[in-house]
N, C-alpha and C. Protein backbone atom coordinates (compact mmCIF):
# COMPACT_ATOMS: atom_id res chain seq x y z
N UNK A 1 -73.50 147.42 85.36
CA UNK A 1 -72.62 147.39 86.52
C UNK A 1 -71.70 146.18 86.42
N UNK A 2 -70.40 146.42 86.43
CA UNK A 2 -69.43 145.33 86.33
C UNK A 2 -69.67 144.34 87.47
N UNK A 3 -69.55 143.06 87.14
CA UNK A 3 -69.81 142.08 88.18
C UNK A 3 -68.61 141.92 89.12
N UNK A 4 -68.86 141.21 90.19
CA UNK A 4 -67.85 141.03 91.24
C UNK A 4 -66.58 140.37 90.69
N UNK A 5 -66.76 139.39 89.80
CA UNK A 5 -65.60 138.68 89.25
C UNK A 5 -64.69 139.61 88.45
N UNK A 6 -65.27 140.45 87.59
CA UNK A 6 -64.41 141.34 86.79
C UNK A 6 -63.72 142.36 87.68
N UNK A 7 -64.38 142.81 88.75
CA UNK A 7 -63.74 143.73 89.69
C UNK A 7 -62.57 143.05 90.39
N UNK A 8 -62.77 141.82 90.82
CA UNK A 8 -61.68 141.06 91.48
C UNK A 8 -60.51 140.85 90.52
N UNK A 9 -60.83 140.53 89.27
CA UNK A 9 -59.78 140.34 88.27
C UNK A 9 -59.00 141.63 88.05
N UNK A 10 -59.70 142.75 87.96
CA UNK A 10 -59.03 144.04 87.75
C UNK A 10 -58.13 144.37 88.94
N UNK A 11 -58.59 144.08 90.14
CA UNK A 11 -57.79 144.34 91.35
C UNK A 11 -56.55 143.46 91.36
N UNK A 12 -56.70 142.19 91.03
CA UNK A 12 -55.54 141.29 90.96
C UNK A 12 -54.52 141.79 89.93
N UNK A 13 -55.01 142.20 88.77
CA UNK A 13 -54.11 142.69 87.72
C UNK A 13 -53.39 143.96 88.19
N UNK A 14 -54.13 144.87 88.80
CA UNK A 14 -53.53 146.10 89.32
C UNK A 14 -52.43 145.78 90.33
N UNK A 15 -52.73 144.93 91.27
CA UNK A 15 -51.75 144.58 92.31
C UNK A 15 -50.51 143.90 91.71
N UNK A 16 -50.73 143.05 90.71
CA UNK A 16 -49.60 142.37 90.06
C UNK A 16 -48.71 143.36 89.32
N UNK A 17 -49.33 144.35 88.69
CA UNK A 17 -48.56 145.38 87.99
C UNK A 17 -47.80 146.25 89.00
N UNK A 18 -48.48 146.64 90.05
CA UNK A 18 -47.84 147.48 91.08
C UNK A 18 -46.66 146.74 91.72
N UNK A 19 -46.79 145.44 91.87
CA UNK A 19 -45.73 144.63 92.46
C UNK A 19 -44.45 144.67 91.62
N UNK A 20 -44.60 144.88 90.33
CA UNK A 20 -43.45 144.96 89.42
C UNK A 20 -43.09 146.40 89.09
N UNK A 21 -43.53 147.33 89.93
CA UNK A 21 -43.18 148.75 89.80
C UNK A 21 -43.66 149.37 88.49
N UNK A 22 -44.85 148.96 88.05
CA UNK A 22 -45.45 149.54 86.84
C UNK A 22 -45.66 151.04 87.05
N UNK A 23 -45.55 151.78 85.97
CA UNK A 23 -45.74 153.22 86.03
C UNK A 23 -47.14 153.58 85.53
N UNK A 24 -47.74 154.57 86.19
CA UNK A 24 -48.98 155.18 85.74
C UNK A 24 -50.06 154.15 85.40
N UNK A 25 -50.42 153.32 86.38
CA UNK A 25 -51.44 152.29 86.17
C UNK A 25 -52.82 152.97 86.14
N UNK A 26 -53.55 152.72 85.07
CA UNK A 26 -54.89 153.27 84.92
C UNK A 26 -55.89 152.12 84.80
N UNK A 27 -57.03 152.30 85.45
CA UNK A 27 -58.14 151.35 85.31
C UNK A 27 -59.27 152.14 84.66
N UNK A 28 -59.73 151.67 83.52
CA UNK A 28 -60.80 152.36 82.81
C UNK A 28 -61.99 151.40 82.70
N UNK A 29 -63.11 151.83 83.24
CA UNK A 29 -64.35 151.07 83.14
C UNK A 29 -64.94 151.38 81.76
N UNK A 30 -64.99 150.36 80.91
CA UNK A 30 -65.50 150.56 79.54
C UNK A 30 -66.81 149.83 79.30
N UNK A 31 -67.42 149.30 80.36
CA UNK A 31 -68.62 148.49 80.17
C UNK A 31 -69.76 149.25 79.53
N UNK A 32 -69.86 150.57 79.76
CA UNK A 32 -70.92 151.34 79.14
C UNK A 32 -70.58 151.81 77.74
N UNK A 33 -69.35 151.55 77.31
CA UNK A 33 -68.85 152.05 76.03
C UNK A 33 -68.68 150.93 75.01
N UNK A 34 -68.37 149.73 75.50
CA UNK A 34 -68.04 148.62 74.61
C UNK A 34 -68.49 147.29 75.22
N UNK A 35 -68.74 146.34 74.36
CA UNK A 35 -69.11 145.00 74.84
C UNK A 35 -67.90 144.08 74.96
N UNK A 36 -66.71 144.55 74.59
CA UNK A 36 -65.55 143.66 74.57
C UNK A 36 -65.03 143.31 75.95
N UNK A 37 -65.25 144.17 76.95
CA UNK A 37 -64.76 143.90 78.30
C UNK A 37 -65.40 144.89 79.26
N UNK A 38 -65.22 144.65 80.56
CA UNK A 38 -65.68 145.60 81.58
C UNK A 38 -64.60 146.63 81.89
N UNK A 39 -63.33 146.17 81.90
CA UNK A 39 -62.23 147.05 82.28
C UNK A 39 -61.04 146.91 81.35
N UNK A 40 -60.41 148.04 81.09
CA UNK A 40 -59.06 148.08 80.54
C UNK A 40 -58.15 148.47 81.69
N UNK A 41 -57.05 147.78 81.82
CA UNK A 41 -56.00 148.19 82.75
C UNK A 41 -54.80 148.51 81.88
N UNK A 42 -54.28 149.72 82.03
CA UNK A 42 -53.19 150.20 81.20
C UNK A 42 -52.03 150.58 82.11
N UNK A 43 -50.83 150.11 81.77
CA UNK A 43 -49.65 150.44 82.57
C UNK A 43 -48.43 150.46 81.66
N UNK A 44 -47.36 151.06 82.16
CA UNK A 44 -46.14 151.07 81.36
C UNK A 44 -44.93 150.74 82.21
N UNK A 45 -43.92 150.26 81.49
CA UNK A 45 -42.64 149.93 82.10
C UNK A 45 -41.53 150.65 81.36
N UNK A 46 -40.36 150.67 81.96
CA UNK A 46 -39.27 151.45 81.41
C UNK A 46 -38.42 150.71 80.38
N UNK A 47 -38.50 149.37 80.38
CA UNK A 47 -37.70 148.61 79.41
C UNK A 47 -38.40 147.28 79.10
N UNK A 48 -37.90 146.57 78.10
CA UNK A 48 -38.54 145.34 77.65
C UNK A 48 -38.62 144.29 78.76
N UNK A 49 -37.55 144.15 79.53
CA UNK A 49 -37.56 143.15 80.60
C UNK A 49 -38.64 143.45 81.63
N UNK A 50 -38.77 144.73 82.01
CA UNK A 50 -39.80 145.08 82.98
C UNK A 50 -41.20 144.87 82.40
N UNK A 51 -41.39 145.24 81.15
CA UNK A 51 -42.70 145.06 80.51
C UNK A 51 -43.08 143.58 80.51
N UNK A 52 -42.14 142.71 80.16
CA UNK A 52 -42.42 141.27 80.17
C UNK A 52 -42.66 140.77 81.59
N UNK A 53 -41.89 141.26 82.56
CA UNK A 53 -42.08 140.85 83.96
C UNK A 53 -43.45 141.28 84.46
N UNK A 54 -43.89 142.47 84.05
CA UNK A 54 -45.22 142.94 84.44
C UNK A 54 -46.30 142.03 83.86
N UNK A 55 -46.18 141.68 82.59
CA UNK A 55 -47.15 140.79 81.95
C UNK A 55 -47.13 139.42 82.61
N UNK A 56 -45.94 138.91 82.91
CA UNK A 56 -45.83 137.61 83.58
C UNK A 56 -46.51 137.64 84.95
N UNK A 57 -46.32 138.73 85.68
CA UNK A 57 -46.90 138.88 87.00
C UNK A 57 -48.43 138.87 86.95
N UNK A 58 -48.99 139.61 86.01
CA UNK A 58 -50.45 139.64 85.83
C UNK A 58 -50.95 138.25 85.47
N UNK A 59 -50.28 137.61 84.51
CA UNK A 59 -50.72 136.30 84.04
C UNK A 59 -50.67 135.27 85.17
N UNK A 60 -49.61 135.30 85.96
CA UNK A 60 -49.48 134.35 87.07
C UNK A 60 -50.59 134.58 88.11
N UNK A 61 -50.82 135.84 88.48
CA UNK A 61 -51.82 136.15 89.50
C UNK A 61 -53.22 135.74 89.05
N UNK A 62 -53.57 136.06 87.81
CA UNK A 62 -54.91 135.73 87.33
C UNK A 62 -55.06 134.23 87.08
N UNK A 63 -54.02 133.59 86.61
CA UNK A 63 -54.08 132.15 86.38
C UNK A 63 -54.28 131.40 87.69
N UNK A 64 -53.54 131.82 88.73
CA UNK A 64 -53.69 131.20 90.06
C UNK A 64 -55.10 131.36 90.60
N UNK A 65 -55.76 132.46 90.23
CA UNK A 65 -57.13 132.73 90.69
C UNK A 65 -58.18 132.06 89.79
N UNK A 66 -57.70 131.28 88.81
CA UNK A 66 -58.62 130.55 87.95
C UNK A 66 -59.07 131.29 86.71
N UNK A 67 -58.29 132.27 86.30
CA UNK A 67 -58.63 133.06 85.11
C UNK A 67 -57.47 133.04 84.11
N UNK A 68 -57.33 131.96 83.36
CA UNK A 68 -56.25 131.93 82.36
C UNK A 68 -56.55 132.92 81.23
N UNK A 69 -55.49 133.44 80.63
CA UNK A 69 -55.64 134.38 79.52
C UNK A 69 -56.29 133.68 78.34
N UNK A 70 -57.23 134.38 77.71
CA UNK A 70 -57.84 133.87 76.48
C UNK A 70 -56.91 134.10 75.30
N UNK A 71 -56.15 135.20 75.38
CA UNK A 71 -55.23 135.54 74.31
C UNK A 71 -54.15 136.48 74.83
N UNK A 72 -52.94 136.31 74.31
CA UNK A 72 -51.83 137.20 74.62
C UNK A 72 -51.19 137.62 73.30
N UNK A 73 -50.95 138.90 73.16
CA UNK A 73 -50.32 139.42 71.94
C UNK A 73 -49.13 140.29 72.31
N UNK A 74 -48.08 140.25 71.51
CA UNK A 74 -46.97 141.19 71.63
C UNK A 74 -45.92 140.87 72.68
N UNK A 75 -45.95 139.66 73.23
CA UNK A 75 -45.02 139.35 74.33
C UNK A 75 -43.56 139.43 73.89
N UNK A 76 -43.25 138.88 72.72
CA UNK A 76 -41.85 138.83 72.29
C UNK A 76 -41.26 140.23 72.07
N UNK A 77 -42.00 141.10 71.43
CA UNK A 77 -41.47 142.45 71.15
C UNK A 77 -41.48 143.31 72.41
N UNK A 78 -42.44 143.06 73.30
CA UNK A 78 -42.57 143.77 74.58
C UNK A 78 -42.69 145.29 74.42
N UNK A 79 -43.18 145.74 73.27
CA UNK A 79 -43.50 147.16 73.08
C UNK A 79 -44.89 147.45 73.63
N UNK A 80 -45.81 146.50 73.35
CA UNK A 80 -47.19 146.58 73.82
C UNK A 80 -47.66 145.15 73.97
N UNK A 81 -47.84 144.72 75.20
CA UNK A 81 -48.34 143.37 75.45
C UNK A 81 -49.82 143.50 75.83
N UNK A 82 -50.65 142.77 75.11
CA UNK A 82 -52.08 142.75 75.38
C UNK A 82 -52.42 141.40 75.99
N UNK A 83 -53.05 141.42 77.15
CA UNK A 83 -53.48 140.21 77.83
C UNK A 83 -55.00 140.26 77.93
N UNK A 84 -55.68 139.35 77.25
CA UNK A 84 -57.13 139.34 77.20
C UNK A 84 -57.68 138.25 78.11
N UNK A 85 -58.41 138.68 79.13
CA UNK A 85 -59.03 137.74 80.08
C UNK A 85 -60.55 137.75 79.95
N UNK A 86 -61.07 138.28 78.87
CA UNK A 86 -62.51 138.33 78.67
C UNK A 86 -63.11 139.55 79.35
N UNK A 87 -63.30 139.47 80.67
CA UNK A 87 -63.92 140.58 81.41
C UNK A 87 -62.99 141.77 81.55
N UNK A 88 -61.69 141.51 81.55
CA UNK A 88 -60.71 142.60 81.61
C UNK A 88 -59.67 142.39 80.51
N UNK A 89 -59.13 143.50 80.05
CA UNK A 89 -58.03 143.45 79.08
C UNK A 89 -56.92 144.32 79.64
N UNK A 90 -55.74 143.72 79.74
CA UNK A 90 -54.58 144.41 80.32
C UNK A 90 -53.64 144.80 79.19
N UNK A 91 -53.26 146.07 79.16
CA UNK A 91 -52.33 146.60 78.17
C UNK A 91 -51.06 147.02 78.90
N UNK A 92 -49.95 146.38 78.58
CA UNK A 92 -48.67 146.72 79.20
C UNK A 92 -47.77 147.27 78.11
N UNK A 93 -47.40 148.53 78.26
CA UNK A 93 -46.63 149.25 77.24
C UNK A 93 -45.23 149.57 77.72
N UNK A 94 -44.32 149.79 76.75
CA UNK A 94 -43.12 150.55 77.08
C UNK A 94 -43.54 152.02 76.99
N UNK A 95 -42.76 152.90 77.55
CA UNK A 95 -43.15 154.31 77.67
C UNK A 95 -43.45 154.94 76.32
N UNK A 96 -42.58 154.71 75.34
CA UNK A 96 -42.73 155.33 74.02
C UNK A 96 -44.03 154.91 73.33
N UNK A 97 -44.33 153.61 73.35
CA UNK A 97 -45.53 153.13 72.67
C UNK A 97 -46.81 153.54 73.40
N UNK A 98 -46.73 153.66 74.71
CA UNK A 98 -47.92 154.13 75.43
C UNK A 98 -48.27 155.55 75.01
N UNK A 99 -47.27 156.39 74.89
CA UNK A 99 -47.52 157.77 74.44
C UNK A 99 -48.04 157.78 73.01
N UNK A 100 -47.48 156.94 72.16
CA UNK A 100 -47.87 156.91 70.75
C UNK A 100 -49.32 156.46 70.57
N UNK A 101 -49.70 155.34 71.21
CA UNK A 101 -51.03 154.79 71.01
C UNK A 101 -52.10 155.49 71.85
N UNK A 102 -51.74 156.04 72.98
CA UNK A 102 -52.62 156.88 73.80
C UNK A 102 -54.02 156.29 73.96
N UNK A 103 -54.08 155.07 74.49
CA UNK A 103 -55.37 154.42 74.68
C UNK A 103 -56.30 155.19 75.60
N UNK A 104 -55.74 155.91 76.54
CA UNK A 104 -56.57 156.70 77.45
C UNK A 104 -57.40 157.72 76.66
N UNK A 105 -56.81 158.30 75.62
CA UNK A 105 -57.55 159.25 74.80
C UNK A 105 -58.60 158.53 73.96
N UNK A 106 -58.21 157.42 73.37
CA UNK A 106 -59.13 156.67 72.51
C UNK A 106 -60.35 156.19 73.29
N UNK A 107 -60.13 155.77 74.54
CA UNK A 107 -61.21 155.24 75.38
C UNK A 107 -61.68 156.27 76.41
N UNK A 108 -61.58 157.54 76.08
CA UNK A 108 -61.95 158.59 77.03
C UNK A 108 -63.43 158.57 77.41
N UNK A 109 -64.27 157.90 76.62
CA UNK A 109 -65.68 157.77 76.98
C UNK A 109 -65.88 156.81 78.14
N UNK A 110 -64.86 155.99 78.42
CA UNK A 110 -64.91 155.13 79.59
C UNK A 110 -64.63 155.95 80.84
N UNK A 111 -64.87 155.39 82.00
CA UNK A 111 -64.68 156.11 83.25
C UNK A 111 -63.43 155.59 83.95
N UNK A 112 -62.46 156.47 84.12
CA UNK A 112 -61.28 156.07 84.87
C UNK A 112 -61.66 155.95 86.34
N UNK A 113 -61.26 154.84 86.94
CA UNK A 113 -61.58 154.61 88.35
C UNK A 113 -60.30 154.33 89.12
N UNK A 114 -60.38 154.49 90.41
CA UNK A 114 -59.26 154.20 91.30
C UNK A 114 -59.39 152.76 91.80
N UNK A 115 -58.28 152.14 92.13
CA UNK A 115 -58.30 150.75 92.57
C UNK A 115 -59.17 150.58 93.81
N UNK A 116 -59.27 151.60 94.63
CA UNK A 116 -60.09 151.52 95.84
C UNK A 116 -61.58 151.37 95.52
N UNK A 117 -61.97 151.74 94.29
CA UNK A 117 -63.38 151.66 93.90
C UNK A 117 -63.78 150.25 93.45
N UNK A 118 -62.81 149.37 93.30
CA UNK A 118 -63.11 148.01 92.83
C UNK A 118 -63.71 147.17 93.94
């Protein structure tokens, strides 16, 4: 069972993405599937500027709450930005790369949950 902290982090990330008009935000509980994290949060934006703004928004919200990113990948290209916070991993895609990599299919053994369940 994901702990309270990882649920709070996932909710903060979701809200930060929604604030920047992220498209198709998915929360996938992967704790029973993998040891790398409790949740994947996947979202997409329509252009590079929006994708970077979404990543910035997540990073700012989680940092303010005392959860600095352990690692960030792909920020400059803004095709797929990965933000690793340990308990949660946030994937921010442009539309084309999200379709190409299809993480939802790869992690289909995880349970997609609604933000209200956090």
